[in-house]
C-alpha cells in the first residue's frame, strides 16, 4: 500500500492542486471544497511517508481553504 501511495499519490495531489488553482482563478465556489478534499489526501501522504515537515503546510491550508470557502460563499452571488 505504501508503494502505491508513494508512487501515485503525488501525481494525483499535483493534478488536484493545479485544478483547484484553476477553479480559484475562475472564481468557482467549489474551488475551496476541492482544495479541502485535496488536503485530506495530502494528510494521508504526509502520514504514510512520515513527511512531518509538510504537516504545518497542511494545517495552514486546511484553515485557508476553509476560510476562503466560507468567504466566497458569502461574497459571490
PDB file of N, CA and C in Angstrom:
ATOM      1  N   UNK A   1       0.826  -1.200   0.000  1.00  0.00           N
ATOM      2  CA  UNK A   1       0.000   0.000   0.000  1.00  0.00           C
ATOM      3  C   UNK A   1       0.867   1.258   0.000  1.00  0.00           C
ATOM      4  N   UNK A   2       1.908   1.285   0.838  1.00  0.00           N
ATOM      5  CA  UNK A   2       2.770   2.465   0.894  1.00  0.00           C
ATOM      6  C   UNK A   2       3.443   2.740  -0.452  1.00  0.00           C
ATOM      7  N   UNK A   3       3.766   1.676  -1.199  1.00  0.00           N
ATOM      8  CA  UNK A   3       4.387   1.894  -2.514  1.00  0.00           C
ATOM      9  C   UNK A   3       3.426   2.597  -3.460  1.00  0.00           C
ATOM     10  N   UNK A   4       2.155   2.198  -3.447  1.00  0.00           N
ATOM     11  CA  UNK A   4       1.161   2.848  -4.299  1.00  0.00           C
ATOM     12  C   UNK A   4       0.999   4.307  -3.887  1.00  0.00           C
ATOM     13  N   UNK A   5       0.949   4.545  -2.588  1.00  0.00           N
ATOM     14  CA  UNK A   5       0.838   5.920  -2.096  1.00  0.00           C
ATOM     15  C   UNK A   5       2.066   6.712  -2.515  1.00  0.00           C
ATOM     16  N   UNK A   6       3.239   6.133  -2.307  1.00  0.00           N
ATOM     17  CA  UNK A   6       4.490   6.834  -2.640  1.00  0.00           C
ATOM     18  C   UNK A   6       4.594   7.130  -4.132  1.00  0.00           C
ATOM     19  N   UNK A   7       4.198   6.176  -4.966  1.00  0.00           N
ATOM     20  CA  UNK A   7       4.407   6.305  -6.404  1.00  0.00           C
ATOM     21  C   UNK A   7       3.314   7.080  -7.138  1.00  0.00           C
ATOM     22  N   UNK A   8       2.073   6.942  -6.717  1.00  0.00           N
ATOM     23  CA  UNK A   8       0.967   7.503  -7.492  1.00  0.00           C
ATOM     24  C   UNK A   8       0.298   8.711  -6.856  1.00  0.00           C
ATOM     25  N   UNK A   9       0.239   8.752  -5.544  1.00  0.00           N
ATOM     26  CA  UNK A   9      -0.478   9.852  -4.901  1.00  0.00           C
ATOM     27  C   UNK A   9       0.120  11.222  -5.202  1.00  0.00           C
ATOM     28  N   UNK A  10       1.448  11.378  -5.286  1.00  0.00           N
ATOM     29  CA  UNK A  10       1.970  12.709  -5.641  1.00  0.00           C
ATOM     30  C   UNK A  10       1.453  13.227  -6.980  1.00  0.00           C
ATOM     31  N   UNK A  11       1.246  12.351  -7.948  1.00  0.00           N
ATOM     32  CA  UNK A  11       0.705  12.766  -9.247  1.00  0.00           C
ATOM     33  C   UNK A  11      -0.737  13.251  -9.095  1.00  0.00           C
ATOM     34  N   UNK A  12      -1.511  12.522  -8.311  1.00  0.00           N
ATOM     35  CA  UNK A  12      -2.900  12.898  -8.072  1.00  0.00           C
ATOM     36  C   UNK A  12      -2.961  14.217  -7.304  1.00  0.00           C
ATOM     37  N   UNK A  13      -2.128  14.346  -6.280  1.00  0.00           N
ATOM     38  CA  UNK A  13      -2.079  15.577  -5.492  1.00  0.00           C
ATOM     39  C   UNK A  13      -1.723  16.769  -6.368  1.00  0.00           C
ATOM     40  N   UNK A  14      -0.759  16.595  -7.230  1.00  0.00           N
ATOM     41  CA  UNK A  14      -0.352  17.678  -8.130  1.00  0.00           C
ATOM     42  C   UNK A  14      -1.501  18.074  -9.051  1.00  0.00           C
ATOM     43  N   UNK A  15      -2.161  17.104  -9.646  1.00  0.00           N
ATOM     44  CA  UNK A  15      -3.256  17.395 -10.572  1.00  0.00           C
ATOM     45  C   UNK A  15      -4.405  18.113  -9.861  1.00  0.00           C
ATOM     46  N   UNK A  16      -4.766  17.651  -8.675  1.00  0.00           N
ATOM     47  CA  UNK A  16      -5.859  18.283  -7.950  1.00  0.00           C
ATOM     48  C   UNK A  16      -5.473  19.690  -7.513  1.00  0.00           C
ATOM     49  N   UNK A  17      -4.240  19.881  -7.084  1.00  0.00           N
ATOM     50  CA  UNK A  17      -3.792  21.216  -6.676  1.00  0.00           C
ATOM     51  C   UNK A  17      -3.847  22.186  -7.851  1.00  0.00           C
ATOM     52  N   UNK A  18      -3.376  21.770  -9.015  1.00  0.00           N
ATOM     53  CA  UNK A  18      -3.422  22.618 -10.212  1.00  0.00           C
ATOM     54  C   UNK A  18      -4.875  22.924 -10.585  1.00  0.00           C
ATOM     55  N   UNK A  19      -5.725  21.925 -10.545  1.00  0.00           N
ATOM     56  CA  UNK A  19      -7.143  22.107 -10.855  1.00  0.00           C
ATOM     57  C   UNK A  19      -7.796  23.074  -9.859  1.00  0.00           C
ATOM     58  N   UNK A  20      -7.469  22.945  -8.581  1.00  0.00           N
ATOM     59  CA  UNK A  20      -8.010  23.844  -7.561  1.00  0.00           C
ATOM     60  C   UNK A  20      -7.629  25.284  -7.860  1.00  0.00           C
ATOM     61  N   UNK A  21      -6.374  25.519  -8.199  1.00  0.00           N
ATOM     62  CA  UNK A  21      -5.935  26.884  -8.503  1.00  0.00           C
ATOM     63  C   UNK A  21      -6.605  27.411  -9.768  1.00  0.00           C
ATOM     64  N   UNK A  22      -6.823  26.535 -10.739  1.00  0.00           N
ATOM     65  CA  UNK A  22      -7.539  26.929 -11.953  1.00  0.00           C
ATOM     66  C   UNK A  22      -8.962  27.368 -11.589  1.00  0.00           C
ATOM     67  N   UNK A  23      -9.647  26.558 -10.785  1.00  0.00           N
ATOM     68  CA  UNK A  23     -11.004  26.898 -10.367  1.00  0.00           C
ATOM     69  C   UNK A  23     -11.038  28.195  -9.570  1.00  0.00           C
ATOM     70  N   UNK A  24     -10.051  28.406  -8.724  1.00  0.00           N
ATOM     71  CA  UNK A  24      -9.993  29.646  -7.946  1.00  0.00           C
ATOM     72  C   UNK A  24      -9.861  30.842  -8.884  1.00  0.00           C
ATOM     73  N   UNK A  25      -9.061  30.705  -9.923  1.00  0.00           N
ATOM     74  CA  UNK A  25      -8.910  31.774 -10.900  1.00  0.00           C
ATOM     75  C   UNK A  25     -10.193  32.056 -11.658  1.00  0.00           C
ATOM     76  N   UNK A  26     -11.026  31.036 -11.777  1.00  0.00           N
ATOM     77  CA  UNK A  26     -12.334  31.189 -12.422  1.00  0.00           C
ATOM     78  C   UNK A  26     -13.399  31.630 -11.425  1.00  0.00           C
ATOM     79  N   UNK A  27     -12.996  31.842 -10.191  1.00  0.00           N
ATOM     80  CA  UNK A  27     -13.884  32.261  -9.094  1.00  0.00           C
ATOM     81  C   UNK A  27     -15.001  31.256  -8.826  1.00  0.00           C
ATOM     82  N   UNK A  28     -14.682  29.978  -8.961  1.00  0.00           N
ATOM     83  CA  UNK A  28     -15.640  28.915  -8.681  1.00  0.00           C
ATOM     84  C   UNK A  28     -15.765  28.712  -7.178  1.00  0.00           C
ATOM     85  N   UNK A  29     -17.005  28.678  -6.701  1.00  0.00           N
ATOM     86  CA  UNK A  29     -17.247  28.440  -5.274  1.00  0.00           C
ATOM     87  C   UNK A  29     -16.710  27.074  -4.826  1.00  0.00           C
ATOM     88  N   UNK A  30     -16.664  26.124  -5.751  1.00  0.00           N
ATOM     89  CA  UNK A  30     -16.239  24.769  -5.406  1.00  0.00           C
ATOM     90  C   UNK A  30     -14.727  24.607  -5.310  1.00  0.00           C
ATOM     91  N   UNK A  31     -13.982  25.610  -5.718  1.00  0.00           N
ATOM     92  CA  UNK A  31     -12.521  25.500  -5.700  1.00  0.00           C
ATOM     93  C   UNK A  31     -12.019  25.118  -4.316  1.00  0.00           C
ATOM     94  N   UNK A  32     -12.528  25.789  -3.308  1.00  0.00           N
ATOM     95  CA  UNK A  32     -12.001  25.591  -1.954  1.00  0.00           C
ATOM     96  C   UNK A  32     -12.463  24.273  -1.354  1.00  0.00           C
ATOM     97  N   UNK A  33     -13.629  23.786  -1.756  1.00  0.00           N
ATOM     98  CA  UNK A  33     -14.059  22.461  -1.283  1.00  0.00           C
ATOM     99  C   UNK A  33     -13.161  21.367  -1.865  1.00  0.00           C
ATOM    100  N   UNK A  34     -12.822  21.508  -3.133  1.00  0.00           N
ATOM    101  CA  UNK A  34     -11.910  20.552  -3.761  1.00  0.00           C
ATOM    102  C   UNK A  34     -10.540  20.646  -3.096  1.00  0.00           C
ATOM    103  N   UNK A  35     -10.117  21.871  -2.793  1.00  0.00           N
ATOM    104  CA  UNK A  35      -8.854  22.055  -2.075  1.00  0.00           C
ATOM    105  C   UNK A  35      -8.869  21.389  -0.707  1.00  0.00           C
ATOM    106  N   UNK A  36      -9.996  21.486  -0.006  1.00  0.00           N
ATOM    107  CA  UNK A  36     -10.103  20.824   1.305  1.00  0.00           C
ATOM    108  C   UNK A  36     -10.004  19.313   1.166  1.00  0.00           C
ATOM    109  N   UNK A  37     -10.689  18.762   0.172  1.00  0.00           N
ATOM    110  CA  UNK A  37     -10.594  17.317  -0.068  1.00  0.00           C
ATOM    111  C   UNK A  37      -9.158  16.924  -0.399  1.00  0.00           C
ATOM    112  N   UNK A  38      -8.483  17.772  -1.160  1.00  0.00           N
ATOM    113  CA  UNK A  38      -7.095  17.509  -1.509  1.00  0.00           C
ATOM    114  C   UNK A  38      -6.201  17.521  -0.272  1.00  0.00           C
ATOM    115  N   UNK A  39      -6.513  18.379   0.685  1.00  0.00           N
ATOM    116  CA  UNK A  39      -5.707  18.415   1.906  1.00  0.00           C
ATOM    117  C   UNK A  39      -5.840  17.113   2.696  1.00  0.00           C
ATOM    118  N   UNK A  40      -7.000  16.480   2.609  1.00  0.00           N
ATOM    119  CA  UNK A  40      -7.159  15.170   3.251  1.00  0.00           C
ATOM    120  C   UNK A  40      -6.220  14.155   2.600  1.00  0.00           C
ATOM    121  N   UNK A  41      -6.110  14.225   1.270  1.00  0.00           N
ATOM    122  CA  UNK A  41      -5.168  13.328   0.575  1.00  0.00           C
ATOM    123  C   UNK A  41      -3.722  13.672   0.915  1.00  0.00           C
ATOM    124  N   UNK A  42      -3.431  14.978   1.026  1.00  0.00           N
ATOM    125  CA  UNK A  42      -2.086  15.389   1.443  1.00  0.00           C
ATOM    126  C   UNK A  42      -1.770  14.820   2.825  1.00  0.00           C
ATOM    127  N   UNK A  43      -2.732  14.883   3.724  1.00  0.00           N
ATOM    128  CA  UNK A  43      -2.512  14.358   5.073  1.00  0.00           C
ATOM    129  C   UNK A  43      -2.222  12.861   5.028  1.00  0.00           C
ATOM    130  N   UNK A  44      -2.940  12.132   4.187  1.00  0.00           N
ATOM    131  CA  UNK A  44      -2.674  10.702   4.005  1.00  0.00           C
ATOM    132  C   UNK A  44      -1.232  10.493   3.557  1.00  0.00           C
ATOM    133  N   UNK A  45      -0.789  11.289   2.580  1.00  0.00           N
ATOM    134  CA  UNK A  45       0.574  11.153   2.065  1.00  0.00           C
ATOM    135  C   UNK A  45       1.607  11.510   3.140  1.00  0.00           C
ATOM    136  N   UNK A  46       1.350  12.574   3.880  1.00  0.00           N
ATOM    137  CA  UNK A  46       2.272  13.005   4.938  1.00  0.00           C
ATOM    138  C   UNK A  46       2.443  11.911   5.974  1.00  0.00           C
ATOM    139  N   UNK A  47       1.337  11.314   6.402  1.00  0.00           N
ATOM    140  CA  UNK A  47       1.413  10.258   7.420  1.00  0.00           C
ATOM    141  C   UNK A  47       2.072   9.007   6.849  1.00  0.00           C
ATOM    142  N   UNK A  48       1.654   8.597   5.648  1.00  0.00           N
ATOM    143  CA  UNK A  48       2.209   7.371   5.050  1.00  0.00           C
ATOM    144  C   UNK A  48       3.705   7.487   4.797  1.00  0.00           C
ATOM    145  N   UNK A  49       4.154   8.668   4.385  1.00  0.00           N
ATOM    146  CA  UNK A  49       5.563   8.859   4.068  1.00  0.00           C
ATOM    147  C   UNK A  49       6.365   9.422   5.240  1.00  0.00           C
ATOM    148  N   UNK A  50       5.668   9.691   6.334  1.00  0.00           N
ATOM    149  CA  UNK A  50       6.309  10.283   7.519  1.00  0.00           C
ATOM    150  C   UNK A  50       7.052  11.569   7.156  1.00  0.00           C
ATOM    151  N   UNK A  51       6.388  12.357   6.328  1.00  0.00           N
ATOM    152  CA  UNK A  51       6.946  13.631   5.867  1.00  0.00           C
ATOM    153  C   UNK A  51       6.431  14.740   6.782  1.00  0.00           C
ATOM    154  N   UNK A  52       6.813  14.673   8.039  1.00  0.00           N
ATOM    155  CA  UNK A  52       6.249  15.538   9.077  1.00  0.00           C
ATOM    156  C   UNK A  52       6.523  17.022   8.837  1.00  0.00           C
ATOM    157  N   UNK A  53       7.538  17.346   8.076  1.00  0.00           N
ATOM    158  CA  UNK A  53       7.829  18.744   7.785  1.00  0.00           C
ATOM    159  C   UNK A  53       6.748  19.418   6.949  1.00  0.00           C
ATOM    160  N   UNK A  54       5.909  18.620   6.273  1.00  0.00           N
ATOM    161  CA  UNK A  54       4.812  19.177   5.484  1.00  0.00           C
ATOM    162  C   UNK A  54       3.533  19.367   6.302  1.00  0.00           C
ATOM    163  N   UNK A  55       3.508  18.883   7.517  1.00  0.00           N
ATOM    164  CA  UNK A  55       2.311  18.982   8.350  1.00  0.00           C
ATOM    165  C   UNK A  55       1.897  20.425   8.630  1.00  0.00           C
ATOM    166  N   UNK A  56       2.819  21.342   8.955  1.00  0.00           N
ATOM    167  CA  UNK A  56       2.390  22.741   9.160  1.00  0.00           C
ATOM    168  C   UNK A  56       1.719  23.343   7.920  1.00  0.00           C
ATOM    169  N   UNK A  57       2.241  23.028   6.723  1.00  0.00           N
ATOM    170  CA  UNK A  57       1.614  23.499   5.492  1.00  0.00           C
ATOM    171  C   UNK A  57       0.203  22.937   5.371  1.00  0.00           C
ATOM    172  N   UNK A  58       0.043  21.666   5.660  1.00  0.00           N
ATOM    173  CA  UNK A  58      -1.248  21.017   5.557  1.00  0.00           C
ATOM    174  C   UNK A  58      -2.256  21.661   6.508  1.00  0.00           C
ATOM    175  N   UNK A  59      -1.865  21.883   7.726  1.00  0.00           N
ATOM    176  CA  UNK A  59      -2.761  22.508   8.706  1.00  0.00           C
ATOM    177  C   UNK A  59      -3.137  23.926   8.261  1.00  0.00           C
ATOM    178  N   UNK A  60      -2.146  24.685   7.809  1.00  0.00           N
ATOM    179  CA  UNK A  60      -2.404  26.053   7.366  1.00  0.00           C
ATOM    180  C   UNK A  60      -3.359  26.073   6.173  1.00  0.00           C
ATOM    181  N   UNK A  61      -3.191  25.150   5.249  1.00  0.00           N
ATOM    182  CA  UNK A  61      -4.060  25.140   4.071  1.00  0.00           C
ATOM    183  C   UNK A  61      -5.474  24.682   4.404  1.00  0.00           C
ATOM    184  N   UNK A  62      -5.639  23.798   5.393  1.00  0.00           N
ATOM    185  CA  UNK A  62      -6.992  23.470   5.863  1.00  0.00           C
ATOM    186  C   UNK A  62      -7.697  24.754   6.290  1.00  0.00           C
ATOM    187  N   UNK A  63      -6.975  25.584   7.052  1.00  0.00           N
ATOM    188  CA  UNK A  63      -7.553  26.834   7.561  1.00  0.00           C
ATOM    189  C   UNK A  63      -7.832  27.811   6.427  1.00  0.00           C
ATOM    190  N   UNK A  64      -6.862  28.004   5.544  1.00  0.00           N
ATOM    191  CA  UNK A  64      -7.020  28.957   4.435  1.00  0.00           C
ATOM    192  C   UNK A  64      -8.145  28.519   3.499  1.00  0.00           C
ATOM    193  N   UNK A  65      -8.161  27.259   3.106  1.00  0.00           N
ATOM    194  CA  UNK A  65      -9.200  26.794   2.185  1.00  0.00           C
ATOM    195  C   UNK A  65     -10.574  26.871   2.839  1.00  0.00           C
ATOM    196  N   UNK A  66     -10.679  26.523   4.113  1.00  0.00           N
ATOM    197  CA  UNK A  66     -11.954  26.632   4.821  1.00  0.00           C
ATOM    198  C   UNK A  66     -12.422  28.076   4.899  1.00  0.00           C
ATOM    199  N   UNK A  67     -11.522  28.963   5.238  1.00  0.00           N
ATOM    200  CA  UNK A  67     -11.838  30.393   5.306  1.00  0.00           C
ATOM    201  C   UNK A  67     -12.287  30.913   3.947  1.00  0.00           C
ATOM    202  N   UNK A  68     -11.522  30.568   2.903  1.00  0.00           N
ATOM    203  CA  UNK A  68     -11.860  31.043   1.563  1.00  0.00           C
ATOM    204  C   UNK A  68     -13.216  30.507   1.110  1.00  0.00           C
ATOM    205  N   UNK A  69     -13.496  29.263   1.424  1.00  0.00           N
ATOM    206  CA  UNK A  69     -14.792  28.685   1.060  1.00  0.00           C
ATOM    207  C   UNK A  69     -15.928  29.472   1.722  1.00  0.00           C
ATOM    208  N   UNK A  70     -15.812  29.719   3.012  1.00  0.00           N
ATOM    209  CA  UNK A  70     -16.848  30.475   3.721  1.00  0.00           C
ATOM    210  C   UNK A  70     -16.976  31.894   3.175  1.00  0.00           C
ATOM    211  N   UNK A  71     -15.846  32.534   2.934  1.00  0.00           N
ATOM    212  CA  UNK A  71     -15.849  33.925   2.447  1.00  0.00           C
ATOM    213  C   UNK A  71     -16.429  34.006   1.029  1.00  0.00           C
ATOM    214  N   UNK A  72     -16.029  33.109   0.158  1.00  0.00           N
ATOM    215  CA  UNK A  72     -16.514  33.156  -1.221  1.00  0.00           C
ATOM    216  C   UNK A  72     -17.999  32.828  -1.292  1.00  0.00           C
ATOM    217  N   UNK A  73     -18.476  31.931  -0.453  1.00  0.00           N
ATOM    218  CA  UNK A  73     -19.904  31.624  -0.464  1.00  0.00           C
ATOM    219  C   UNK A  73     -20.718  32.818  -0.022  1.00  0.00           C
ATOM    220  N   UNK A  74     -20.148  33.643   0.810  1.00  0.00           N
ATOM    221  CA  UNK A  74     -20.824  34.842   1.278  1.00  0.00           C
ATOM    222  C   UNK A  74     -20.728  35.957   0.228  1.00  0.00           C
ATOM    223  N   UNK A  75     -19.585  36.064  -0.468  1.00  0.00           N
ATOM    224  CA  UNK A  75     -19.323  37.200  -1.346  1.00  0.00           C
ATOM    225  C   UNK A  75     -19.730  37.011  -2.802  1.00  0.00           C
ATOM    226  N   UNK A  76     -19.730  35.776  -3.296  1.00  0.00           N
ATOM    227  CA  UNK A  76     -20.025  35.535  -4.713  1.00  0.00           C
ATOM    228  C   UNK A  76     -21.505  35.175  -4.853  1.00  0.00           C
ATOM    229  N   UNK A  77     -22.233  35.890  -5.700  1.00  0.00           N
ATOM    230  CA  UNK A  77     -23.668  35.595  -5.872  1.00  0.00           C
ATOM    231  C   UNK A  77     -23.881  34.272  -6.599  1.00  0.00           C
TER     232      UNK A  77
END
